[in-house]
């Protein structure tokens, strides 16, 4: 049989329709714990199932509250969990950071720093004691910066606008330290203004000779 131009046109149209139908299949995007992004035509059920049986980065993925998150947001929260570290003396920067996360609809865990044990734990975690501290996966962001925080959240693939279910609530803030430290480590950190200033070196009424050791 000799192919005519009309035969070629019909064959091409059929091929395009078949290809388009294949492209119409759902494509699923997933991010592993190392930040690698993969695409597949099958949903990565294993990751979601594994998340229901373990706590990931402080977010309890077995919680029904977490399980109610949209699928892609849940994947991102499992790969790059967000934790906010705040303190009562932090004031406006901590409040602004919390408001940013809430306004953008970021599922996060909040840890408070109020005792010496908390400060010690924060020092071990970040090498510093400045607040607020935001962690996104393994990334540490010291000090509040709306631009930087938004940039890193976007790089981690968190949505720009809230996709949280209407009834979603983050867990209440909890102390950073586990509570297993010695009792003396749990005393509140004194206000710097209340700490007495040592007398200046040199002669003074209690040390007329000005002897120093």
Foldseek 3Di string as FASTA:
>chain_A
DDDDPVNVVVVVVVVVVVVVVVVPQDKDWAADLVGDIDIDSDDPVVVLVVQLVDAAPNRNSVDVLLVPFPPVLSRLCRNWPKEKEEEPVQPPQSVVVVCQCVQQARQHAYAYQWFQLLQVLVCVLPVDRADTWMGTSNDIDGTHDSVVVVVVCVVSPRDRHHRRDPPRDHDDYYHPHPPPDDPVRGDTDDDPVPDDDDDDADADPVRNGRDDD
